[in-house]
Amino acid sequence: MQKENLSIIITGHIDHGKSTLIGRLLLDTDSLPKEKLAEIKKISASLGKDTELAFLADQLKEEREQGMTIDTTQIFFKTRKRNYIIIDSPGHAKFIKNMITGASQANAGVLLVDVAEGLKEQTRRHAYILGMLGIDKLIVVFNKMDLINYEEKKFNEVKNELLKFLEGIGIRPYYSVPISAKEDINISKRSSANMPWYRGPCLINALDGLKPDIRIERKPLRFSIQDNYEIEGKMVTVGKVLSGTIKQGQEVILLPSLKNTRINSIKVFGRHIKETRAGKNIGLILDDPALAKRGEVIVQKEDTAKPTTQFKANIFWMSDEPLKINQSFSLRCANQDTSCIIEKIEKRIDSSTLEIIEEDARELKMNETAVVIIRAEHPLVIEKFSFVEDLGRFTLEKNSIILGMGIII
């Protein structure tokens, strides 16, 4: 049977041990080629260090020299249950954009905390971003248990502090796992000798315990059009099924143009299928192919969805230049792209403490979050983020540079 794939982001404050943990996962699951291990030993020797697990994940030369992860990289490992794609994200505040880019590609998350050092500003900020991006399949990992002699009391103190913060942003982690990545404790097997008080799973079993979300298939059809291509003399409309199911012969509506058409056939990698579901990238042959335009969303004929130009959202600001009211940006949501302005900043919030800085504000500064009212120049097909994530998530850009991201509430 073909194994399922799961993309996970591993994130947390700088120096809390992400790269060492990833290196350990690769070693413990036999997912590392022998030549890669030899390369790491050679690099470590040239830098005057013993072989370091962190170098297995830190692929970039600049990272090795600076001792920090500066870019998001995809790394692969496998267990008996599934294949994993790790998105290793930077912990340093300077690289928050990279972290958000990586998190937006993930299905699940691992939030790493140095149990000896406790919660830091970036721990809270990364947790907030994971919540904004809808990553509700979260495992909290408390690393460096060896530095506190595997003490249960200290572990519970740090765990309770983090769980209280996560509760405030609506996140309930699936598991809270104490580990030592450096000493290979509680990674691939339970460690009763070091932590007899811990009754939960090891980290790999916790990851395997995450269950994929199938509820999106039961929601109304949303198909986002990416483009049209002529293939073998026929016009094929290519895109992704964001929610629901799509069937051959189905009567549908294109939004926001409100034009009616019918699904003549469905193509996947050159073959025809009669039906497919959310998450699939496919090609459609429509009865009226000229109607389909990039950015439009196909819905079922009886759907009551209505395009809109105004909505409320939570946004996270990433630019050095403050966001100001009535300033113009490019807004991207799925394959939709239009100009917009921020009409109102209802609440300006500190993303690391969740305290309200100001109500009815005039601007938003870097690494702050806010509740805002947005007005788009052209109608958009959007949903609440809690209903259809891909149509409830957007970026704010200028000159093709992402300045902020948000979710529709």
Protein backbone atom coordinates (compact mmCIF):
# COMPACT_ATOMS: atom_id res chain seq x y z
CA MET A 1 0.00 0.00 0.00
CA GLN A 2 1.29 3.46 -0.86
CA LYS A 3 2.21 5.50 2.22
CA GLU A 4 0.59 8.87 2.82
CA ASN A 5 2.70 12.03 2.99
CA LEU A 6 2.59 14.62 5.77
CA SER A 7 4.35 18.01 5.64
CA ILE A 8 5.44 19.28 9.06
CA ILE A 9 7.08 22.54 10.07
CA ILE A 10 9.56 22.48 12.95
CA THR A 11 9.91 25.90 14.53
CA GLY A 12 10.85 27.71 17.73
CA HIS A 13 13.29 30.18 19.23
CA ILE A 14 16.87 30.29 17.93
CA ASP A 15 19.29 27.85 19.62
CA HIS A 16 16.49 25.73 21.08
CA GLY A 17 17.73 22.76 19.06
CA LYS A 18 15.71 22.49 15.83
CA SER A 19 18.59 21.45 13.58
CA THR A 20 19.89 18.90 16.11
CA LEU A 21 16.38 17.43 16.40
CA ILE A 22 16.04 17.13 12.63
CA GLY A 23 19.44 15.48 12.40
CA ARG A 24 18.35 12.97 15.06
CA LEU A 25 15.10 12.21 13.22
CA LEU A 26 17.07 11.49 10.05
CA LEU A 27 19.50 9.19 11.84
CA ASP A 28 16.91 7.32 13.92
CA THR A 29 14.72 6.57 10.89
CA ASP A 30 17.63 5.53 8.63
CA SER A 31 16.67 8.33 6.24
CA LEU A 32 20.20 9.60 5.71
CA PRO A 33 22.41 8.41 2.81
CA LYS A 34 25.88 7.23 3.86
CA GLU A 35 27.56 9.79 1.63
CA LYS A 36 25.70 12.62 3.39
CA LEU A 37 26.92 11.45 6.80
CA ALA A 38 30.50 11.31 5.44
CA GLU A 39 30.10 14.87 4.10
CA ILE A 40 28.92 16.12 7.48
CA LYS A 41 31.89 14.53 9.25
CA LYS A 42 34.24 16.22 6.80
CA ILE A 43 32.58 19.63 7.26
CA SER A 44 32.62 19.30 11.05
CA ALA A 45 36.34 18.44 11.01
CA SER A 46 37.15 21.44 8.78
CA LEU A 47 35.40 23.71 11.29
CA GLY A 48 37.27 22.14 14.18
CA LYS A 49 34.21 20.48 15.70
CA ASP A 50 33.04 16.97 16.45
CA THR A 51 30.37 15.58 14.13
CA GLU A 52 27.29 17.68 14.81
CA LEU A 53 23.74 16.49 14.16
CA ALA A 54 22.71 20.07 13.40
CA PHE A 55 24.80 20.04 10.20
CA LEU A 56 22.53 17.33 8.79
CA ALA A 57 19.76 19.93 8.54
CA ASP A 58 21.76 23.12 7.98
CA GLN A 59 22.47 22.68 4.29
CA LEU A 60 23.59 26.20 3.47
CA LYS A 61 27.27 27.12 3.90
CA GLU A 62 26.30 30.48 5.36
CA GLU A 63 24.20 28.75 8.01
CA ARG A 64 27.09 26.50 9.05
CA GLU A 65 29.38 29.50 9.50
CA GLN A 66 26.82 31.64 11.33
CA GLY A 67 25.40 28.81 13.42
CA MET A 68 21.75 29.59 12.62
CA THR A 69 19.12 28.41 10.15
CA ILE A 70 18.41 31.32 7.78
CA ASP A 71 16.18 29.75 5.14
CA THR A 72 13.37 27.22 4.95
CA THR A 73 14.56 23.88 3.62
CA GLN A 74 12.65 20.68 2.90
CA ILE A 75 14.06 17.49 4.37
CA PHE A 76 12.59 13.99 4.09
CA PHE A 77 12.31 11.05 6.45
CA LYS A 78 10.01 8.05 6.72
CA THR A 79 8.45 5.82 9.36
CA ARG A 80 6.55 2.56 8.98
CA LYS A 81 3.30 4.54 8.82
CA ARG A 82 4.02 7.47 6.48
CA ASN A 83 6.50 9.66 4.63
CA TYR A 84 7.34 13.04 6.20
CA ILE A 85 8.45 16.28 4.59
CA ILE A 86 10.11 18.47 7.23
CA ILE A 87 10.02 22.20 6.61
CA ASP A 88 12.88 23.52 8.75
CA SER A 89 12.21 27.18 9.51
CA PRO A 90 14.45 29.90 10.98
CA GLY A 91 14.08 30.81 14.63
CA HIS A 92 15.80 34.19 14.48
CA ALA A 93 13.54 37.26 14.47
CA LYS A 94 15.32 38.62 11.35
CA PHE A 95 13.96 35.72 9.28
CA ILE A 96 10.29 35.79 10.30
CA LYS A 97 9.21 36.04 6.62
CA ASN A 98 11.03 32.80 5.85
CA MET A 99 9.28 31.10 8.76
CA ILE A 100 5.85 32.20 7.53
CA THR A 101 6.63 31.05 3.99
CA GLY A 102 7.55 27.62 5.33
CA ALA A 103 4.59 27.36 7.69
CA SER A 104 2.13 28.12 4.88
CA GLN A 105 3.23 24.87 3.17
CA ALA A 106 2.74 22.63 6.22
CA ASN A 107 -0.09 20.33 7.31
CA ALA A 108 1.16 19.98 10.90
CA GLY A 109 3.63 21.64 13.24
CA VAL A 110 6.25 20.91 15.89
CA LEU A 111 6.90 23.80 18.28
CA LEU A 112 10.25 23.33 20.02
CA VAL A 113 11.11 24.79 23.43
CA ASP A 114 14.40 24.60 25.35
CA VAL A 115 13.04 23.39 28.68
CA ALA A 116 16.08 24.77 30.54
CA GLU A 117 15.67 28.24 29.04
CA GLY A 118 11.86 28.36 28.93
CA LEU A 119 9.53 30.38 26.70
CA LYS A 120 11.01 33.21 24.65
CA GLU A 121 9.48 35.99 22.56
CA GLN A 122 10.00 34.03 19.34
CA THR A 123 8.38 30.93 20.89
CA ARG A 124 5.19 32.90 21.47
CA ARG A 125 5.36 34.68 18.12
CA HIS A 126 5.88 31.46 16.16
CA ALA A 127 3.01 29.83 18.05
CA TYR A 128 0.77 32.77 17.15
CA ILE A 129 1.73 32.51 13.46
CA LEU A 130 1.05 28.75 13.42
CA GLY A 131 -2.40 29.50 14.84
CA MET A 132 -3.04 32.22 12.25
CA LEU A 133 -2.11 29.83 9.46
CA GLY A 134 -4.52 27.21 10.79
CA ILE A 135 -1.96 24.61 11.75
CA ASP A 136 -4.04 22.97 14.48
CA LYS A 137 -2.22 19.62 14.35
CA LEU A 138 0.52 20.71 16.73
CA ILE A 139 3.02 18.77 18.85
CA VAL A 140 4.91 20.70 21.51
CA VAL A 141 8.41 19.33 22.11
CA PHE A 142 10.42 20.25 25.22
CA ASN A 143 14.07 19.76 24.29
CA LYS A 144 17.28 19.60 26.37
CA MET A 145 15.72 17.60 29.20
CA ASP A 146 19.27 16.38 29.98
CA LEU A 147 20.16 19.94 31.11
CA ILE A 148 17.55 19.75 33.89
CA ASN A 149 18.37 16.13 34.80
CA TYR A 150 15.03 14.99 33.33
CA GLU A 151 13.20 16.66 36.22
CA GLU A 152 9.41 16.32 36.07
CA LYS A 153 8.68 19.48 38.13
CA LYS A 154 10.64 21.82 35.86
CA PHE A 155 9.13 20.19 32.77
CA ASN A 156 5.60 20.75 34.11
CA GLU A 157 6.34 24.40 34.95
CA VAL A 158 7.44 25.21 31.40
CA LYS A 159 4.73 23.05 29.84
CA ASN A 160 1.93 24.71 31.84
CA GLU A 161 3.20 28.19 30.97
CA LEU A 162 3.18 27.36 27.25
CA LEU A 163 -0.18 25.57 27.32
CA LYS A 164 -1.74 28.62 29.00
CA PHE A 165 -0.41 30.87 26.21
CA LEU A 166 -1.58 28.45 23.48
CA GLU A 167 -5.05 28.31 25.05
CA GLY A 168 -5.24 32.10 24.72
CA ILE A 169 -4.81 31.83 20.93
CA GLY A 170 -7.16 28.87 20.53
CA ILE A 171 -4.54 26.10 20.11
CA ARG A 172 -4.69 22.75 21.90
CA PRO A 173 -1.62 20.64 21.06
CA TYR A 174 -2.10 16.95 20.40
CA TYR A 175 0.96 15.99 22.48
CA SER A 176 3.53 17.55 24.84
CA VAL A 177 6.72 15.48 24.50
CA PRO A 178 9.89 15.85 26.65
CA ILE A 179 13.09 14.91 24.76
CA SER A 180 16.83 15.30 24.51
CA ALA A 181 17.75 15.48 20.84
CA LYS A 182 21.46 15.54 21.64
CA GLU A 183 21.29 12.40 23.81
CA ASP A 184 18.67 10.63 21.63
CA ILE A 185 16.15 10.43 24.47
CA ASN A 186 12.43 9.91 23.69
CA ILE A 187 12.86 10.45 19.93
CA SER A 188 12.27 7.01 18.37
CA LYS A 189 11.52 5.02 21.53
CA ARG A 190 10.20 5.67 25.01
CA SER A 191 12.78 6.38 27.69
CA SER A 192 11.55 4.79 30.92
CA ALA A 193 15.04 4.86 32.49
CA ASN A 194 15.49 8.67 32.26
CA MET A 195 11.84 9.74 32.64
CA PRO A 196 9.81 7.00 34.39
CA TRP A 197 7.18 9.64 35.20
CA TYR A 198 6.39 10.29 31.52
CA ARG A 199 3.58 8.09 30.17
CA GLY A 200 3.10 9.61 26.71
CA PRO A 201 4.50 8.57 23.32
CA CYS A 202 8.00 9.21 21.97
CA LEU A 203 8.19 11.92 19.32
CA ILE A 204 8.03 9.64 16.26
CA ASN A 205 4.99 7.80 17.66
CA ALA A 206 3.37 11.17 18.40
CA LEU A 207 3.94 12.24 14.78
CA ASP A 208 2.49 8.96 13.51
CA GLY A 209 -0.50 9.56 15.80
CA LEU A 210 -1.54 12.71 13.91
CA LYS A 211 -4.58 12.00 11.74
CA PRO A 212 -5.20 13.67 8.37
CA ASP A 213 -8.21 15.99 8.15
CA ILE A 214 -10.86 14.65 5.78
CA ARG A 215 -13.64 17.09 6.70
CA ILE A 216 -12.71 19.47 3.87
CA GLU A 217 -14.03 16.91 1.36
CA ARG A 218 -17.52 17.21 2.83
CA LYS A 219 -17.71 20.98 2.35
CA PRO A 220 -19.12 22.79 -0.72
CA LEU A 221 -17.10 22.69 -3.94
CA ARG A 222 -14.43 25.36 -4.40
CA PHE A 223 -12.11 24.96 -7.42
CA SER A 224 -9.51 27.71 -7.92
CA ILE A 225 -8.54 28.32 -11.58
CA GLN A 226 -4.81 28.73 -12.15
CA ASP A 227 -4.72 28.95 -15.96
CA ASN A 228 -5.90 27.53 -19.31
CA TYR A 229 -3.76 25.38 -21.62
CA GLU A 230 -4.39 23.92 -25.05
CA ILE A 231 -3.66 20.19 -24.90
CA GLU A 232 -4.26 17.87 -27.90
CA GLY A 233 -6.49 20.48 -29.50
CA LYS A 234 -8.68 21.01 -26.43
CA MET A 235 -8.67 23.87 -23.92
CA VAL A 236 -7.94 22.50 -20.42
CA THR A 237 -8.68 24.62 -17.33
CA VAL A 238 -6.05 23.80 -14.70
CA GLY A 239 -6.35 24.41 -10.96
CA LYS A 240 -6.85 22.93 -7.51
CA VAL A 241 -9.90 21.55 -5.73
CA LEU A 242 -9.80 23.57 -2.49
CA SER A 243 -12.85 21.92 -0.89
CA GLY A 244 -15.62 19.46 -1.66
CA THR A 245 -15.70 17.08 -4.62
CA ILE A 246 -16.00 17.69 -8.37
CA LYS A 247 -17.67 15.31 -10.85
CA GLN A 248 -17.89 14.79 -14.57
CA GLY A 249 -21.20 16.15 -15.87
CA GLN A 250 -21.64 18.53 -12.91
CA GLU A 251 -23.39 21.88 -13.52
CA VAL A 252 -21.28 24.69 -12.04
CA ILE A 253 -20.96 28.47 -11.73
CA LEU A 254 -17.82 30.57 -12.22
CA LEU A 255 -17.35 33.33 -9.64
CA PRO A 256 -17.16 36.29 -9.54
CA SER A 257 -18.40 36.43 -13.18
CA LEU A 258 -21.59 34.42 -12.31
CA LYS A 259 -21.38 32.46 -15.58
CA ASN A 260 -22.83 28.95 -15.87
CA THR A 261 -21.10 25.97 -17.45
CA ARG A 262 -20.75 22.19 -17.14
CA ILE A 263 -17.82 19.86 -16.35
CA ASN A 264 -17.40 17.90 -19.59
CA SER A 265 -14.47 15.81 -18.30
CA ILE A 266 -11.72 15.69 -15.67
CA LYS A 267 -8.06 15.01 -16.49
CA VAL A 268 -5.26 13.95 -14.13
CA PHE A 269 -1.79 13.30 -15.62
CA GLY A 270 -3.25 12.66 -19.06
CA ARG A 271 -5.95 10.21 -17.99
CA HIS A 272 -9.67 10.83 -17.55
CA ILE A 273 -11.42 10.31 -14.21
CA LYS A 274 -15.08 10.73 -13.26
CA GLU A 275 -14.67 12.33 -9.84
CA THR A 276 -12.04 13.78 -7.50
CA ARG A 277 -11.83 15.52 -4.14
CA ALA A 278 -10.27 18.37 -2.15
CA GLY A 279 -6.50 18.73 -2.33
CA LYS A 280 -6.10 17.50 -5.91
CA ASN A 281 -4.54 19.48 -8.76
CA ILE A 282 -6.47 18.62 -11.92
CA GLY A 283 -7.47 19.76 -15.40
CA LEU A 284 -11.08 20.39 -16.46
CA ILE A 285 -12.60 20.43 -19.90
CA LEU A 286 -15.62 22.74 -19.69
CA ASP A 287 -18.56 23.01 -22.06
CA ASP A 288 -17.63 26.70 -22.47
CA PRO A 289 -13.84 26.86 -21.95
CA ALA A 290 -13.62 30.51 -23.01
CA LEU A 291 -15.51 31.51 -19.84
CA ALA A 292 -12.76 30.34 -17.46
CA LYS A 293 -10.25 32.99 -16.35
CA ARG A 294 -7.31 32.78 -13.94
CA GLY A 295 -8.39 33.66 -10.41
CA GLU A 296 -12.02 32.64 -10.83
CA VAL A 297 -13.50 30.04 -8.49
CA ILE A 298 -15.81 27.25 -9.65
CA VAL A 299 -18.69 26.35 -7.31
CA GLN A 300 -21.63 23.98 -7.63
CA LYS A 301 -24.69 25.40 -9.38
CA GLU A 302 -26.94 25.62 -6.32
CA ASP A 303 -24.27 27.34 -4.19
CA THR A 304 -25.15 30.61 -2.45
CA ALA A 305 -21.57 31.96 -2.29
CA LYS A 306 -21.33 35.67 -3.12
CA PRO A 307 -18.20 37.62 -4.12
CA THR A 308 -17.39 40.59 -1.89
CA THR A 309 -15.16 43.66 -1.81
CA GLN A 310 -15.05 44.21 1.98
CA PHE A 311 -14.13 41.89 4.84
CA LYS A 312 -12.62 41.69 8.32
CA ALA A 313 -9.28 39.95 8.89
CA ASN A 314 -6.44 39.27 11.31
CA ILE A 315 -3.13 40.33 9.76
CA PHE A 316 0.54 39.97 10.72
CA TRP A 317 2.84 42.76 9.52
CA MET A 318 6.41 41.87 8.45
CA SER A 319 7.81 45.04 6.87
CA ASP A 320 10.18 47.60 8.39
CA GLU A 321 7.88 50.28 6.94
CA PRO A 322 4.68 50.62 9.03
CA LEU A 323 1.32 49.81 7.45
CA LYS A 324 -0.87 52.93 7.30
CA ILE A 325 -4.62 53.36 6.85
CA ASN A 326 -5.79 53.80 3.22
CA GLN A 327 -2.40 52.70 1.88
CA SER A 328 -2.72 50.63 -1.32
CA PHE A 329 -1.43 47.03 -1.60
CA SER A 330 -1.76 44.02 -3.88
CA LEU A 331 -3.83 41.32 -2.23
CA ARG A 332 -3.37 37.67 -3.24
CA CYS A 333 -5.83 34.97 -2.15
CA ALA A 334 -5.50 31.56 -3.83
CA ASN A 335 -5.13 32.56 -7.54
CA GLN A 336 -7.01 35.85 -7.08
CA ASP A 337 -5.10 39.13 -7.29
CA THR A 338 -6.47 42.65 -6.79
CA SER A 339 -5.56 46.01 -5.29
CA CYS A 340 -6.86 46.83 -1.82
CA ILE A 341 -6.65 49.32 1.03
CA ILE A 342 -6.81 48.88 4.81
CA GLU A 343 -9.89 50.93 5.71
CA LYS A 344 -9.63 50.53 9.46
CA ILE A 345 -7.26 49.08 12.09
CA GLU A 346 -9.70 48.06 14.83
CA LYS A 347 -7.10 46.62 17.21
CA ARG A 348 -3.30 46.72 17.16
CA ILE A 349 -1.84 43.76 19.09
CA ASP A 350 1.59 42.66 20.37
CA SER A 351 2.08 39.26 18.70
CA SER A 352 4.33 37.87 21.46
CA THR A 353 2.16 38.84 24.48
CA LEU A 354 -1.28 39.16 22.78
CA GLU A 355 -1.80 42.46 24.63
CA ILE A 356 -3.81 45.15 22.83
CA ILE A 357 -1.44 48.06 22.14
CA GLU A 358 -4.05 50.44 20.69
CA GLU A 359 -7.64 50.49 19.44
CA ASP A 360 -8.72 52.35 16.29
CA ALA A 361 -5.05 52.73 15.34
CA ARG A 362 -3.56 54.67 12.41
CA GLU A 363 -0.63 52.35 11.68
CA LEU A 364 0.81 48.89 12.31
CA LYS A 365 4.51 48.21 12.97
CA MET A 366 6.79 45.25 12.18
CA ASN A 367 5.92 41.95 13.93
CA GLU A 368 2.63 43.38 15.22
CA THR A 369 -0.75 41.87 14.45
CA ALA A 370 -4.12 43.55 14.07
CA VAL A 371 -7.83 43.17 13.42
CA VAL A 372 -8.56 45.20 10.28
CA ILE A 373 -11.23 46.02 7.72
CA ILE A 374 -10.04 45.56 4.12
CA ARG A 375 -11.66 46.93 0.95
CA ALA A 376 -10.70 45.30 -2.37
CA GLU A 377 -10.85 47.06 -5.74
CA HIS A 378 -12.46 44.03 -7.44
CA PRO A 379 -14.83 41.37 -6.02
CA LEU A 380 -13.16 38.38 -4.38
CA VAL A 381 -14.42 34.86 -3.68
CA ILE A 382 -13.40 34.38 -0.06
CA GLU A 383 -14.42 32.28 2.94
CA LYS A 384 -13.82 32.44 6.65
CA PHE A 385 -10.46 30.85 7.31
CA SER A 386 -12.10 28.34 9.66
CA PHE A 387 -14.32 27.12 6.76
CA VAL A 388 -11.98 26.88 3.72
CA GLU A 389 -8.36 27.69 4.58
CA ASP A 390 -7.14 28.39 1.03
CA LEU A 391 -9.85 31.01 0.47
CA GLY A 392 -9.42 32.45 3.95
CA ARG A 393 -5.67 33.06 3.77
CA PHE A 394 -4.05 35.96 1.89
CA THR A 395 -0.90 38.04 1.52
CA LEU A 396 -0.42 41.80 1.20
CA GLU A 397 2.30 42.74 -1.28
CA LYS A 398 3.97 45.67 -3.00
CA ASN A 399 6.28 45.28 -6.00
CA SER A 400 5.99 41.49 -5.62
CA ILE A 401 7.40 41.63 -2.05
CA ILE A 402 5.27 40.13 0.72
CA LEU A 403 4.75 42.72 3.47
CA GLY A 404 2.03 41.04 5.50
CA MET A 405 -0.20 38.00 5.67
CA GLY A 406 -3.61 37.41 7.15
CA ILE A 407 -6.67 35.27 7.61
CA ILE A 408 -10.29 36.21 7.02
CA ILE A 409 -12.50 36.17 10.09
